[in-house]
Amino acid sequence: MRLLLVEDDLSLSTIVERGLREDGYAVDTANTVLDARHELEVNDYDLVILDLGLPDGSGLELCREIR
């Protein structure tokens, strides 16, 4: 299963990513809405774990776009 983790807090992102990888998931990370949009254009994901407050926009708006 391939996941996209969108989180701007680098320490939190690292911890979550490590845990997910240890559980056998393939994880890509993005730190901004712009990075997440790029990842979503070039990869197919089974799940997106999305922070709502990102430095360059709203994670909630990104969620609406994805849907």
N, C-alpha and C. Protein backbone atom coordinates (compact mmCIF):
# COMPACT_ATOMS: atom_id res chain seq x y z
N MET A 1 0.85 -1.17 0.00
CA MET A 1 0.00 0.00 0.00
C MET A 1 0.90 1.23 0.00
N ARG A 2 0.59 2.18 -0.87
CA ARG A 2 1.39 3.40 -1.00
C ARG A 2 0.64 4.57 -0.37
N LEU A 3 1.35 5.30 0.51
CA LEU A 3 0.76 6.41 1.25
C LEU A 3 1.49 7.70 0.95
N LEU A 4 0.73 8.80 1.02
CA LEU A 4 1.33 10.13 0.97
C LEU A 4 1.09 10.79 2.31
N LEU A 5 2.17 11.18 2.97
CA LEU A 5 2.11 11.89 4.23
C LEU A 5 2.39 13.36 3.96
N VAL A 6 1.43 14.21 4.27
CA VAL A 6 1.59 15.66 4.07
C VAL A 6 1.63 16.31 5.44
N GLU A 7 2.82 16.74 5.85
CA GLU A 7 3.04 17.29 7.18
C GLU A 7 4.20 18.28 7.12
N ASP A 8 3.99 19.48 7.66
CA ASP A 8 5.04 20.49 7.61
C ASP A 8 5.98 20.45 8.80
N ASP A 9 5.63 19.77 9.87
CA ASP A 9 6.50 19.62 11.04
C ASP A 9 7.46 18.46 10.75
N LEU A 10 8.71 18.79 10.48
CA LEU A 10 9.69 17.80 10.04
C LEU A 10 9.90 16.69 11.06
N SER A 11 9.96 17.02 12.34
CA SER A 11 10.19 15.98 13.35
C SER A 11 9.00 15.03 13.44
N LEU A 12 7.80 15.56 13.40
CA LEU A 12 6.60 14.72 13.42
C LEU A 12 6.52 13.86 12.15
N SER A 13 6.80 14.47 11.03
CA SER A 13 6.77 13.75 9.75
C SER A 13 7.75 12.58 9.76
N THR A 14 8.94 12.81 10.29
CA THR A 14 9.96 11.76 10.34
C THR A 14 9.50 10.59 11.21
N ILE A 15 8.93 10.89 12.36
CA ILE A 15 8.47 9.84 13.28
C ILE A 15 7.33 9.03 12.65
N VAL A 16 6.35 9.72 12.08
CA VAL A 16 5.21 9.04 11.47
C VAL A 16 5.67 8.20 10.28
N GLU A 17 6.52 8.78 9.44
CA GLU A 17 7.02 8.05 8.27
C GLU A 17 7.78 6.79 8.70
N ARG A 18 8.63 6.91 9.69
CA ARG A 18 9.39 5.76 10.17
C ARG A 18 8.46 4.65 10.66
N GLY A 19 7.46 5.01 11.44
CA GLY A 19 6.51 4.02 11.95
C GLY A 19 5.74 3.33 10.84
N LEU A 20 5.31 4.09 9.86
CA LEU A 20 4.57 3.51 8.74
C LEU A 20 5.45 2.57 7.92
N ARG A 21 6.69 2.97 7.68
CA ARG A 21 7.62 2.11 6.93
C ARG A 21 7.90 0.81 7.70
N GLU A 22 8.05 0.90 9.02
CA GLU A 22 8.27 -0.29 9.84
C GLU A 22 7.08 -1.24 9.76
N ASP A 23 5.90 -0.69 9.54
CA ASP A 23 4.70 -1.52 9.39
C ASP A 23 4.50 -2.02 7.96
N GLY A 24 5.45 -1.70 7.08
CA GLY A 24 5.43 -2.26 5.74
C GLY A 24 4.82 -1.40 4.65
N TYR A 25 4.53 -0.14 4.96
CA TYR A 25 3.94 0.75 3.96
C TYR A 25 5.02 1.47 3.16
N ALA A 26 4.73 1.74 1.89
CA ALA A 26 5.57 2.61 1.08
C ALA A 26 5.06 4.03 1.31
N VAL A 27 5.95 4.91 1.75
CA VAL A 27 5.53 6.26 2.16
C VAL A 27 6.31 7.31 1.39
N ASP A 28 5.58 8.25 0.80
CA ASP A 28 6.17 9.46 0.24
C ASP A 28 5.73 10.61 1.14
N THR A 29 6.56 11.63 1.24
CA THR A 29 6.21 12.76 2.09
C THR A 29 6.20 14.06 1.29
N ALA A 30 5.39 14.99 1.76
CA ALA A 30 5.34 16.34 1.22
C ALA A 30 5.19 17.28 2.40
N ASN A 31 5.82 18.46 2.31
CA ASN A 31 5.79 19.42 3.40
C ASN A 31 4.89 20.62 3.13
N THR A 32 4.42 20.75 1.90
CA THR A 32 3.58 21.88 1.52
C THR A 32 2.45 21.40 0.62
N VAL A 33 1.47 22.25 0.43
CA VAL A 33 0.38 21.95 -0.50
C VAL A 33 0.94 21.78 -1.91
N LEU A 34 1.86 22.66 -2.29
CA LEU A 34 2.46 22.59 -3.63
C LEU A 34 3.17 21.25 -3.84
N ASP A 35 3.95 20.83 -2.88
CA ASP A 35 4.64 19.53 -2.98
C ASP A 35 3.64 18.38 -3.05
N ALA A 36 2.60 18.46 -2.25
CA ALA A 36 1.58 17.41 -2.24
C ALA A 36 0.88 17.33 -3.59
N ARG A 37 0.54 18.46 -4.17
CA ARG A 37 -0.09 18.46 -5.50
C ARG A 37 0.81 17.78 -6.53
N HIS A 38 2.09 18.09 -6.46
CA HIS A 38 3.03 17.47 -7.39
C HIS A 38 3.06 15.95 -7.20
N GLU A 39 3.18 15.50 -5.98
CA GLU A 39 3.20 14.06 -5.70
C GLU A 39 1.92 13.38 -6.18
N LEU A 40 0.79 14.03 -5.98
CA LEU A 40 -0.49 13.46 -6.40
C LEU A 40 -0.62 13.39 -7.92
N GLU A 41 0.06 14.29 -8.63
CA GLU A 41 0.03 14.27 -10.09
C GLU A 41 0.86 13.12 -10.67
N VAL A 42 1.96 12.79 -10.02
CA VAL A 42 2.88 11.81 -10.59
C VAL A 42 2.76 10.42 -9.99
N ASN A 43 2.04 10.26 -8.90
CA ASN A 43 1.91 8.95 -8.24
C ASN A 43 0.46 8.65 -7.90
N ASP A 44 0.16 7.37 -7.81
CA ASP A 44 -1.15 6.93 -7.34
C ASP A 44 -1.00 6.50 -5.88
N TYR A 45 -1.91 6.97 -5.04
CA TYR A 45 -1.84 6.65 -3.62
C TYR A 45 -3.11 5.94 -3.18
N ASP A 46 -2.93 5.04 -2.23
CA ASP A 46 -4.06 4.35 -1.62
C ASP A 46 -4.64 5.17 -0.48
N LEU A 47 -3.81 6.02 0.13
CA LEU A 47 -4.22 6.81 1.28
C LEU A 47 -3.38 8.06 1.37
N VAL A 48 -4.01 9.18 1.75
CA VAL A 48 -3.29 10.42 2.01
C VAL A 48 -3.53 10.79 3.47
N ILE A 49 -2.43 10.96 4.21
CA ILE A 49 -2.51 11.44 5.58
C ILE A 49 -2.16 12.92 5.51
N LEU A 50 -3.12 13.76 5.87
CA LEU A 50 -3.04 15.18 5.53
C LEU A 50 -3.15 16.08 6.75
N ASP A 51 -2.14 16.91 6.95
CA ASP A 51 -2.17 17.97 7.96
C ASP A 51 -3.08 19.07 7.43
N LEU A 52 -3.92 19.61 8.28
CA LEU A 52 -4.85 20.64 7.81
C LEU A 52 -4.22 22.03 7.73
N GLY A 53 -3.24 22.30 8.59
CA GLY A 53 -2.60 23.61 8.60
C GLY A 53 -1.22 23.53 7.99
N LEU A 54 -1.09 23.95 6.75
CA LEU A 54 0.19 23.90 6.04
C LEU A 54 0.65 25.32 5.74
N PRO A 55 1.96 25.52 5.59
CA PRO A 55 2.48 26.90 5.45
C PRO A 55 2.02 27.63 4.19
N ASP A 56 1.66 26.91 3.14
CA ASP A 56 1.28 27.58 1.89
C ASP A 56 -0.18 27.38 1.51
N GLY A 57 -0.99 26.92 2.45
CA GLY A 57 -2.40 26.76 2.14
C GLY A 57 -3.08 25.82 3.11
N SER A 58 -4.32 25.58 2.82
CA SER A 58 -5.16 24.77 3.69
C SER A 58 -5.16 23.31 3.25
N GLY A 59 -4.87 22.43 4.18
CA GLY A 59 -4.97 21.00 3.90
C GLY A 59 -6.40 20.60 3.61
N LEU A 60 -7.35 21.30 4.22
CA LEU A 60 -8.76 21.02 3.97
C LEU A 60 -9.13 21.33 2.51
N GLU A 61 -8.60 22.43 1.99
CA GLU A 61 -8.84 22.76 0.58
C GLU A 61 -8.21 21.71 -0.33
N LEU A 62 -7.02 21.27 0.01
CA LEU A 62 -6.37 20.22 -0.77
C LEU A 62 -7.21 18.95 -0.75
N CYS A 63 -7.76 18.63 0.39
CA CYS A 63 -8.63 17.46 0.50
C CYS A 63 -9.83 17.60 -0.43
N ARG A 64 -10.41 18.76 -0.49
CA ARG A 64 -11.54 19.00 -1.40
C ARG A 64 -11.12 18.82 -2.86
N GLU A 65 -9.93 19.29 -3.19
CA GLU A 65 -9.42 19.12 -4.55
C GLU A 65 -9.24 17.65 -4.91
N ILE A 66 -8.68 16.91 -3.99
CA ILE A 66 -8.43 15.50 -4.21
C ILE A 66 -9.74 14.75 -4.44
N ARG A 67 -10.73 15.05 -3.64
CA ARG A 67 -12.02 14.38 -3.74
C ARG A 67 -12.65 14.68 -5.06
